[in-house]
Amino acid sequence: VAERLGVGPDECLKRNPKIVYGRMTGWGQEGPLSQAAGH
């Protein structure tokens, strides 16, 4: 989603190579359930 908005990690690191980019999800960025909804 952040990539589609234009503010994903690659774009942010390009603007600021020292930026720490935190991503919090339930299932993680990869894996069979990564795109599934959950709580």
All heavy atoms as atom14 arrays in JSON, in Angstrom:
{
  "sequence": "VAERLGVGPDECLKRNPKIVYGRMTGWGQEGPLSQAAGH",
  "atom14_mask": [
    [1, 1, 1, 1, 1, 1, 1, 0, 0, 0, 0, 0, 0, 0],
    [1, 1, 1, 1, 1, 0, 0, 0, 0, 0, 0, 0, 0, 0],
    [1, 1, 1, 1, 1, 1, 1, 1, 1, 0, 0, 0, 0, 0],
    [1, 1, 1, 1, 1, 1, 1, 1, 1, 1, 1, 0, 0, 0],
    [1, 1, 1, 1, 1, 1, 1, 1, 0, 0, 0, 0, 0, 0],
    [1, 1, 1, 1, 0, 0, 0, 0, 0, 0, 0, 0, 0, 0],
    [1, 1, 1, 1, 1, 1, 1, 0, 0, 0, 0, 0, 0, 0],
    [1, 1, 1, 1, 0, 0, 0, 0, 0, 0, 0, 0, 0, 0],
    [1, 1, 1, 1, 1, 1, 1, 0, 0, 0, 0, 0, 0, 0],
    [1, 1, 1, 1, 1, 1, 1, 1, 0, 0, 0, 0, 0, 0],
    [1, 1, 1, 1, 1, 1, 1, 1, 1, 0, 0, 0, 0, 0],
    [1, 1, 1, 1, 1, 1, 0, 0, 0, 0, 0, 0, 0, 0],
    [1, 1, 1, 1, 1, 1, 1, 1, 0, 0, 0, 0, 0, 0],
    [1, 1, 1, 1, 1, 1, 1, 1, 1, 0, 0, 0, 0, 0],
    [1, 1, 1, 1, 1, 1, 1, 1, 1, 1, 1, 0, 0, 0],
    [1, 1, 1, 1, 1, 1, 1, 1, 0, 0, 0, 0, 0, 0],
    [1, 1, 1, 1, 1, 1, 1, 0, 0, 0, 0, 0, 0, 0],
    [1, 1, 1, 1, 1, 1, 1, 1, 1, 0, 0, 0, 0, 0],
    [1, 1, 1, 1, 1, 1, 1, 1, 0, 0, 0, 0, 0, 0],
    [1, 1, 1, 1, 1, 1, 1, 0, 0, 0, 0, 0, 0, 0],
    [1, 1, 1, 1, 1, 1, 1, 1, 1, 1, 1, 1, 0, 0],
    [1, 1, 1, 1, 0, 0, 0, 0, 0, 0, 0, 0, 0, 0],
    [1, 1, 1, 1, 1, 1, 1, 1, 1, 1, 1, 0, 0, 0],
    [1, 1, 1, 1, 1, 1, 1, 1, 0, 0, 0, 0, 0, 0],
    [1, 1, 1, 1, 1, 1, 1, 0, 0, 0, 0, 0, 0, 0],
    [1, 1, 1, 1, 0, 0, 0, 0, 0, 0, 0, 0, 0, 0],
    [1, 1, 1, 1, 1, 1, 1, 1, 1, 1, 1, 1, 1, 1],
    [1, 1, 1, 1, 0, 0, 0, 0, 0, 0, 0, 0, 0, 0],
    [1, 1, 1, 1, 1, 1, 1, 1, 1, 0, 0, 0, 0, 0],
    [1, 1, 1, 1, 1, 1, 1, 1, 1, 0, 0, 0, 0, 0],
    [1, 1, 1, 1, 0, 0, 0, 0, 0, 0, 0, 0, 0, 0],
    [1, 1, 1, 1, 1, 1, 1, 0, 0, 0, 0, 0, 0, 0],
    [1, 1, 1, 1, 1, 1, 1, 1, 0, 0, 0, 0, 0, 0],
    [1, 1, 1, 1, 1, 1, 0, 0, 0, 0, 0, 0, 0, 0],
    [1, 1, 1, 1, 1, 1, 1, 1, 1, 0, 0, 0, 0, 0],
    [1, 1, 1, 1, 1, 0, 0, 0, 0, 0, 0, 0, 0, 0],
    [1, 1, 1, 1, 1, 0, 0, 0, 0, 0, 0, 0, 0, 0],
    [1, 1, 1, 1, 0, 0, 0, 0, 0, 0, 0, 0, 0, 0],
    [1, 1, 1, 1, 1, 1, 1, 1, 1, 1, 0, 0, 0, 0]
  ],
  "atom14_positions": [
    [[0.83, -1.21, 0.0], [0.0, 0.0, 0.0], [0.86, 1.25, 0.0], [0.61, 2.2, -0.76], [-0.97, 0.0, 1.2], [-1.68, 1.35, 1.32], [-1.99, -1.11, 1.05], [0.0, 0.0, 0.0], [0.0, 0.0, 0.0], [0.0, 0.0, 0.0], [0.0, 0.0, 0.0], [0.0, 0.0, 0.0], [0.0, 0.0, 0.0], [0.0, 0.0, 0.0]],
    [[1.89, 1.3, 0.86], [2.75, 2.48, 0.91], [3.43, 2.72, -0.43], [3.58, 3.87, -0.87], [3.79, 2.32, 2.02], [0.0, 0.0, 0.0], [0.0, 0.0, 0.0], [0.0, 0.0, 0.0], [0.0, 0.0, 0.0], [0.0, 0.0, 0.0], [0.0, 0.0, 0.0], [0.0, 0.0, 0.0], [0.0, 0.0, 0.0], [0.0, 0.0, 0.0]],
    [[3.82, 1.64, -1.11], [4.44, 1.78, -2.43], [3.45, 2.39, -3.42], [3.82, 3.27, -4.22], [4.91, 0.41, -2.94], [6.17, -0.11, -2.28], [5.94, -0.82, -0.95], [4.79, -0.77, -0.43], [6.88, -1.42, -0.43], [0.0, 0.0, 0.0], [0.0, 0.0, 0.0], [0.0, 0.0, 0.0], [0.0, 0.0, 0.0], [0.0, 0.0, 0.0]],
    [[2.19, 1.95, -3.36], [1.19, 2.49, -4.28], [0.92, 3.96, -4.0], [0.59, 4.73, -4.91], [-0.11, 1.69, -4.19], [0.02, 0.27, -4.76], [-1.35, -0.34, -5.04], [-2.1, -0.6, -3.82], [-2.01, -1.7, -3.08], [-1.13, -2.64, -3.41], [-2.75, -1.86, -2.01], [0.0, 0.0, 0.0], [0.0, 0.0, 0.0], [0.0, 0.0, 0.0]],
    [[1.07, 4.36, -2.75], [0.88, 5.77, -2.39], [2.08, 6.63, -2.77], [1.99, 7.86, -2.76], [0.61, 5.9, -0.89], [-0.7, 5.32, -0.36], [-0.74, 5.39, 1.16], [-1.9, 6.06, -0.96], [0.0, 0.0, 0.0], [0.0, 0.0, 0.0], [0.0, 0.0, 0.0], [0.0, 0.0, 0.0], [0.0, 0.0, 0.0], [0.0, 0.0, 0.0]],
    [[3.2, 5.98, -3.07], [4.4, 6.73, -3.44], [5.3, 7.07, -2.27], [6.22, 7.89, -2.4], [0.0, 0.0, 0.0], [0.0, 0.0, 0.0], [0.0, 0.0, 0.0], [0.0, 0.0, 0.0], [0.0, 0.0, 0.0], [0.0, 0.0, 0.0], [0.0, 0.0, 0.0], [0.0, 0.0, 0.0], [0.0, 0.0, 0.0], [0.0, 0.0, 0.0]],
    [[5.06, 6.42, -1.11], [5.88, 6.71, 0.08], [6.43, 5.4, 0.66], [6.58, 5.27, 1.88], [5.08, 7.49, 1.14], [4.77, 8.89, 0.66], [3.79, 6.74, 1.52], [0.0, 0.0, 0.0], [0.0, 0.0, 0.0], [0.0, 0.0, 0.0], [0.0, 0.0, 0.0], [0.0, 0.0, 0.0], [0.0, 0.0, 0.0], [0.0, 0.0, 0.0]],
    [[6.73, 4.45, -0.22], [7.31, 3.19, 0.23], [8.75, 3.35, 0.63], [9.35, 4.43, 0.5], [0.0, 0.0, 0.0], [0.0, 0.0, 0.0], [0.0, 0.0, 0.0], [0.0, 0.0, 0.0], [0.0, 0.0, 0.0], [0.0, 0.0, 0.0], [0.0, 0.0, 0.0], [0.0, 0.0, 0.0], [0.0, 0.0, 0.0], [0.0, 0.0, 0.0]],
    [[9.38, 2.29, 1.13], [10.76, 2.37, 1.62], [11.75, 2.83, 0.56], [12.64, 3.63, 0.86], [11.06, 0.93, 2.06], [9.76, 0.26, 2.21], [8.79, 0.96, 1.34], [0.0, 0.0, 0.0], [0.0, 0.0, 0.0], [0.0, 0.0, 0.0], [0.0, 0.0, 0.0], [0.0, 0.0, 0.0], [0.0, 0.0, 0.0], [0.0, 0.0, 0.0]],
    [[11.64, 2.33, -0.66], [12.61, 2.7, -1.68], [12.59, 4.2, -1.94], [13.65, 4.84, -2.04], [12.32, 1.95, -2.98], [12.62, 0.46, -2.87], [13.3, 0.06, -1.89], [12.16, -0.3, -3.75], [0.0, 0.0, 0.0], [0.0, 0.0, 0.0], [0.0, 0.0, 0.0], [0.0, 0.0, 0.0], [0.0, 0.0, 0.0], [0.0, 0.0, 0.0]],
    [[11.39, 4.76, -2.06], [11.27, 6.19, -2.32], [11.79, 7.02, -1.15], [12.48, 8.03, -1.33], [9.82, 6.56, -2.61], [9.61, 7.95, -3.18], [10.33, 8.15, -4.49], [10.25, 7.27, -5.36], [10.96, 9.22, -4.65], [0.0, 0.0, 0.0], [0.0, 0.0, 0.0], [0.0, 0.0, 0.0], [0.0, 0.0, 0.0], [0.0, 0.0, 0.0]],
    [[11.48, 6.57, 0.07], [11.92, 7.32, 1.25], [13.44, 7.23, 1.43], [14.1, 8.23, 1.76], [11.21, 6.8, 2.5], [9.45, 7.25, 2.56], [0.0, 0.0, 0.0], [0.0, 0.0, 0.0], [0.0, 0.0, 0.0], [0.0, 0.0, 0.0], [0.0, 0.0, 0.0], [0.0, 0.0, 0.0], [0.0, 0.0, 0.0], [0.0, 0.0, 0.0]],
    [[14.02, 6.05, 1.21], [15.47, 5.9, 1.34], [16.21, 6.65, 0.23], [17.34, 7.09, 0.42], [15.84, 4.42, 1.33], [15.55, 3.68, 2.63], [15.52, 2.17, 2.41], [16.58, 4.04, 3.69], [0.0, 0.0, 0.0], [0.0, 0.0, 0.0], [0.0, 0.0, 0.0], [0.0, 0.0, 0.0], [0.0, 0.0, 0.0], [0.0, 0.0, 0.0]],
    [[15.56, 6.81, -0.91], [16.15, 7.59, -1.99], [16.26, 9.06, -1.56], [17.26, 9.73, -1.84], [15.3, 7.47, -3.24], [15.9, 8.11, -4.48], [14.93, 8.06, -5.65], [14.49, 6.63, -5.96], [13.54, 6.61, -7.13], [0.0, 0.0, 0.0], [0.0, 0.0, 0.0], [0.0, 0.0, 0.0], [0.0, 0.0, 0.0], [0.0, 0.0, 0.0]],
    [[15.23, 9.54, -0.87], [15.24, 10.92, -0.4], [16.15, 11.12, 0.81], [16.71, 12.18, 1.01], [13.82, 11.36, -0.02], [12.83, 11.42, -1.17], [13.22, 12.47, -2.21], [12.19, 12.63, -3.21], [11.29, 13.63, -3.2], [11.32, 14.56, -2.25], [10.38, 13.7, -4.14], [0.0, 0.0, 0.0], [0.0, 0.0, 0.0], [0.0, 0.0, 0.0]],
    [[16.24, 10.07, 1.64], [17.01, 10.18, 2.88], [17.65, 8.81, 3.16], [17.03, 7.95, 3.77], [16.1, 10.6, 4.03], [16.83, 10.74, 5.35], [18.01, 10.42, 5.47], [16.13, 11.21, 6.38], [0.0, 0.0, 0.0], [0.0, 0.0, 0.0], [0.0, 0.0, 0.0], [0.0, 0.0, 0.0], [0.0, 0.0, 0.0], [0.0, 0.0, 0.0]],
    [[18.9, 8.6, 2.72], [19.54, 7.29, 2.88], [19.69, 6.82, 4.32], [19.94, 5.64, 4.56], [20.91, 7.5, 2.22], [20.72, 8.66, 1.29], [19.74, 9.55, 1.98], [0.0, 0.0, 0.0], [0.0, 0.0, 0.0], [0.0, 0.0, 0.0], [0.0, 0.0, 0.0], [0.0, 0.0, 0.0], [0.0, 0.0, 0.0], [0.0, 0.0, 0.0]],
    [[19.52, 7.74, 5.27], [19.7, 7.38, 6.68], [18.36, 7.09, 7.37], [18.33, 6.73, 8.55], [20.44, 8.5, 7.41], [21.03, 8.1, 8.74], [21.79, 9.27, 9.37], [22.33, 8.89, 10.75], [23.06, 10.01, 11.39], [0.0, 0.0, 0.0], [0.0, 0.0, 0.0], [0.0, 0.0, 0.0], [0.0, 0.0, 0.0], [0.0, 0.0, 0.0]],
    [[17.26, 7.22, 6.63], [15.95, 7.06, 7.26], [15.73, 5.62, 7.72], [16.12, 4.67, 7.05], [14.82, 7.48, 6.29], [13.5, 7.7, 7.03], [14.62, 6.44, 5.19], [13.38, 9.02, 7.68], [0.0, 0.0, 0.0], [0.0, 0.0, 0.0], [0.0, 0.0, 0.0], [0.0, 0.0, 0.0], [0.0, 0.0, 0.0], [0.0, 0.0, 0.0]],
    [[15.14, 5.47, 8.89], [14.7, 4.16, 9.38], [13.23, 4.04, 9.06], [12.42, 4.89, 9.47], [14.96, 4.02, 10.89], [14.24, 2.8, 11.46], [16.46, 3.93, 11.16], [0.0, 0.0, 0.0], [0.0, 0.0, 0.0], [0.0, 0.0, 0.0], [0.0, 0.0, 0.0], [0.0, 0.0, 0.0], [0.0, 0.0, 0.0], [0.0, 0.0, 0.0]],
    [[12.87, 3.0, 8.33], [11.5, 2.85, 7.85], [10.86, 1.64, 8.54], [11.19, 0.49, 8.27], [11.51, 2.63, 6.32], [10.17, 2.8, 5.65], [9.87, 3.91, 4.88], [9.18, 1.81, 5.77], [8.64, 4.06, 4.25], [7.96, 1.95, 5.16], [7.69, 3.08, 4.4], [6.47, 3.22, 3.8], [0.0, 0.0, 0.0], [0.0, 0.0, 0.0]],
    [[9.92, 1.9, 9.43], [9.24, 0.84, 10.17], [7.95, 0.41, 9.5], [7.14, 1.25, 9.11], [0.0, 0.0, 0.0], [0.0, 0.0, 0.0], [0.0, 0.0, 0.0], [0.0, 0.0, 0.0], [0.0, 0.0, 0.0], [0.0, 0.0, 0.0], [0.0, 0.0, 0.0], [0.0, 0.0, 0.0], [0.0, 0.0, 0.0], [0.0, 0.0, 0.0]],
    [[7.79, -0.91, 9.37], [6.57, -1.46, 8.78], [5.96, -2.46, 9.75], [6.6, -3.46, 10.1], [6.87, -2.16, 7.45], [7.8, -1.41, 6.54], [7.79, -1.94, 5.12], [6.61, -1.46, 4.41], [6.43, -1.61, 3.08], [7.31, -2.29, 2.38], [5.36, -1.13, 2.49], [0.0, 0.0, 0.0], [0.0, 0.0, 0.0], [0.0, 0.0, 0.0]],
    [[4.75, -2.19, 10.19], [4.11, -3.1, 11.14], [2.85, -3.71, 10.49], [1.96, -2.99, 10.04], [3.73, -2.39, 12.43], [3.08, -3.32, 13.45], [2.97, -2.58, 15.08], [2.12, -1.05, 14.7], [0.0, 0.0, 0.0], [0.0, 0.0, 0.0], [0.0, 0.0, 0.0], [0.0, 0.0, 0.0], [0.0, 0.0, 0.0], [0.0, 0.0, 0.0]],
    [[2.81, -5.02, 10.46], [1.66, -5.75, 9.96], [1.4, -6.94, 10.88], [2.22, -7.27, 11.74], [1.92, -6.28, 8.53], [3.06, -7.13, 8.56], [2.13, -5.15, 7.55], [0.0, 0.0, 0.0], [0.0, 0.0, 0.0], [0.0, 0.0, 0.0], [0.0, 0.0, 0.0], [0.0, 0.0, 0.0], [0.0, 0.0, 0.0], [0.0, 0.0, 0.0]],
    [[0.27, -7.59, 10.67], [-0.02, -8.79, 11.44], [0.76, -9.99, 10.95], [1.39, -10.7, 11.73], [0.0, 0.0, 0.0], [0.0, 0.0, 0.0], [0.0, 0.0, 0.0], [0.0, 0.0, 0.0], [0.0, 0.0, 0.0], [0.0, 0.0, 0.0], [0.0, 0.0, 0.0], [0.0, 0.0, 0.0], [0.0, 0.0, 0.0], [0.0, 0.0, 0.0]],
    [[0.74, -10.21, 9.62], [1.32, -11.42, 9.05], [2.74, -11.23, 8.56], [3.44, -12.22, 8.31], [0.46, -11.9, 7.89], [-0.98, -12.13, 8.19], [-2.04, -11.43, 7.7], [-1.55, -13.12, 9.05], [-3.23, -11.92, 8.19], [-2.96, -12.97, 9.03], [-1.0, -14.13, 9.85], [-3.82, -13.77, 9.76], [-1.87, -14.95, 10.58], [-3.26, -14.77, 10.53]],
    [[3.2, -9.99, 8.39], [4.54, -9.75, 7.87], [4.5, -9.34, 6.4], [3.46, -9.4, 5.74], [0.0, 0.0, 0.0], [0.0, 0.0, 0.0], [0.0, 0.0, 0.0], [0.0, 0.0, 0.0], [0.0, 0.0, 0.0], [0.0, 0.0, 0.0], [0.0, 0.0, 0.0], [0.0, 0.0, 0.0], [0.0, 0.0, 0.0], [0.0, 0.0, 0.0]],
    [[5.64, -8.92, 5.9], [5.73, -8.44, 4.52], [5.72, -9.58, 3.5], [5.45, -9.36, 2.34], [7.0, -7.6, 4.35], [7.02, -6.33, 5.18], [5.9, -5.37, 4.81], [5.69, -5.08, 3.65], [5.16, -4.88, 5.82], [0.0, 0.0, 0.0], [0.0, 0.0, 0.0], [0.0, 0.0, 0.0], [0.0, 0.0, 0.0], [0.0, 0.0, 0.0]],
    [[6.08, -10.79, 3.92], [6.06, -11.94, 3.02], [5.32, -13.1, 3.68], [5.04, -13.06, 4.86], [7.49, -12.41, 2.69], [8.32, -11.41, 1.93], [9.4, -10.81, 2.79], [9.66, -11.37, 3.87], [9.98, -9.8, 2.39], [0.0, 0.0, 0.0], [0.0, 0.0, 0.0], [0.0, 0.0, 0.0], [0.0, 0.0, 0.0], [0.0, 0.0, 0.0]],
    [[5.06, -14.11, 2.87], [4.39, -15.31, 3.37], [3.02, -15.46, 2.75], [2.44, -14.5, 2.23], [0.0, 0.0, 0.0], [0.0, 0.0, 0.0], [0.0, 0.0, 0.0], [0.0, 0.0, 0.0], [0.0, 0.0, 0.0], [0.0, 0.0, 0.0], [0.0, 0.0, 0.0], [0.0, 0.0, 0.0], [0.0, 0.0, 0.0], [0.0, 0.0, 0.0]],
    [[2.46, -16.68, 2.78], [1.17, -16.96, 2.13], [0.02, -16.08, 2.62], [-0.93, -15.84, 1.88], [0.92, -18.43, 2.46], [2.26, -19.0, 2.76], [3.05, -17.9, 3.37], [0.0, 0.0, 0.0], [0.0, 0.0, 0.0], [0.0, 0.0, 0.0], [0.0, 0.0, 0.0], [0.0, 0.0, 0.0], [0.0, 0.0, 0.0], [0.0, 0.0, 0.0]],
    [[0.08, -15.6, 3.87], [-1.03, -14.81, 4.43], [-0.76, -13.32, 4.42], [-1.57, -12.55, 4.96], [-1.31, -15.27, 5.87], [-1.8, -16.7, 6.05], [-1.94, -17.03, 7.53], [-3.14, -16.9, 5.34], [0.0, 0.0, 0.0], [0.0, 0.0, 0.0], [0.0, 0.0, 0.0], [0.0, 0.0, 0.0], [0.0, 0.0, 0.0], [0.0, 0.0, 0.0]],
    [[0.34, -12.88, 3.83], [0.75, -11.48, 3.96], [-0.3, -10.49, 3.46], [-0.36, -9.36, 3.96], [2.07, -11.24, 3.23], [1.95, -11.51, 1.84], [0.0, 0.0, 0.0], [0.0, 0.0, 0.0], [0.0, 0.0, 0.0], [0.0, 0.0, 0.0], [0.0, 0.0, 0.0], [0.0, 0.0, 0.0], [0.0, 0.0, 0.0], [0.0, 0.0, 0.0]],
    [[-1.13, -10.88, 2.5], [-2.15, -9.97, 1.98], [-3.52, -10.18, 2.61], [-4.48, -9.5, 2.25], [-2.25, -10.13, 0.46], [-1.04, -9.61, -0.3], [-0.87, -8.11, -0.14], [-1.82, -7.35, -0.01], [0.39, -7.66, -0.15], [0.0, 0.0, 0.0], [0.0, 0.0, 0.0], [0.0, 0.0, 0.0], [0.0, 0.0, 0.0], [0.0, 0.0, 0.0]],
    [[-3.63, -11.11, 3.53], [-4.93, -11.4, 4.15], [-5.24, -10.42, 5.27], [-4.34, -9.91, 5.95], [-4.94, -12.83, 4.7], [0.0, 0.0, 0.0], [0.0, 0.0, 0.0], [0.0, 0.0, 0.0], [0.0, 0.0, 0.0], [0.0, 0.0, 0.0], [0.0, 0.0, 0.0], [0.0, 0.0, 0.0], [0.0, 0.0, 0.0], [0.0, 0.0, 0.0]],
    [[-6.52, -10.15, 5.47], [-6.95, -9.35, 6.61], [-6.8, -10.17, 7.88], [-6.77, -11.41, 7.85], [-8.39, -8.9, 6.43], [0.0, 0.0, 0.0], [0.0, 0.0, 0.0], [0.0, 0.0, 0.0], [0.0, 0.0, 0.0], [0.0, 0.0, 0.0], [0.0, 0.0, 0.0], [0.0, 0.0, 0.0], [0.0, 0.0, 0.0], [0.0, 0.0, 0.0]],
    [[-6.71, -9.51, 9.0], [-6.6, -10.22, 10.27], [-6.64, -9.26, 11.44], [-6.57, -8.04, 11.27], [0.0, 0.0, 0.0], [0.0, 0.0, 0.0], [0.0, 0.0, 0.0], [0.0, 0.0, 0.0], [0.0, 0.0, 0.0], [0.0, 0.0, 0.0], [0.0, 0.0, 0.0], [0.0, 0.0, 0.0], [0.0, 0.0, 0.0], [0.0, 0.0, 0.0]],
    [[-6.76, -9.81, 12.62], [-6.71, -9.04, 13.85], [-5.88, -9.82, 14.87], [-5.5, -10.98, 14.63], [-8.11, -8.76, 14.39], [-8.76, -7.57, 13.75], [-8.25, -6.29, 13.86], [-9.88, -7.47, 12.99], [-9.02, -5.45, 13.2], [-10.02, -6.14, 12.66], [0.0, 0.0, 0.0], [0.0, 0.0, 0.0], [0.0, 0.0, 0.0], [0.0, 0.0, 0.0]]
  ]
}
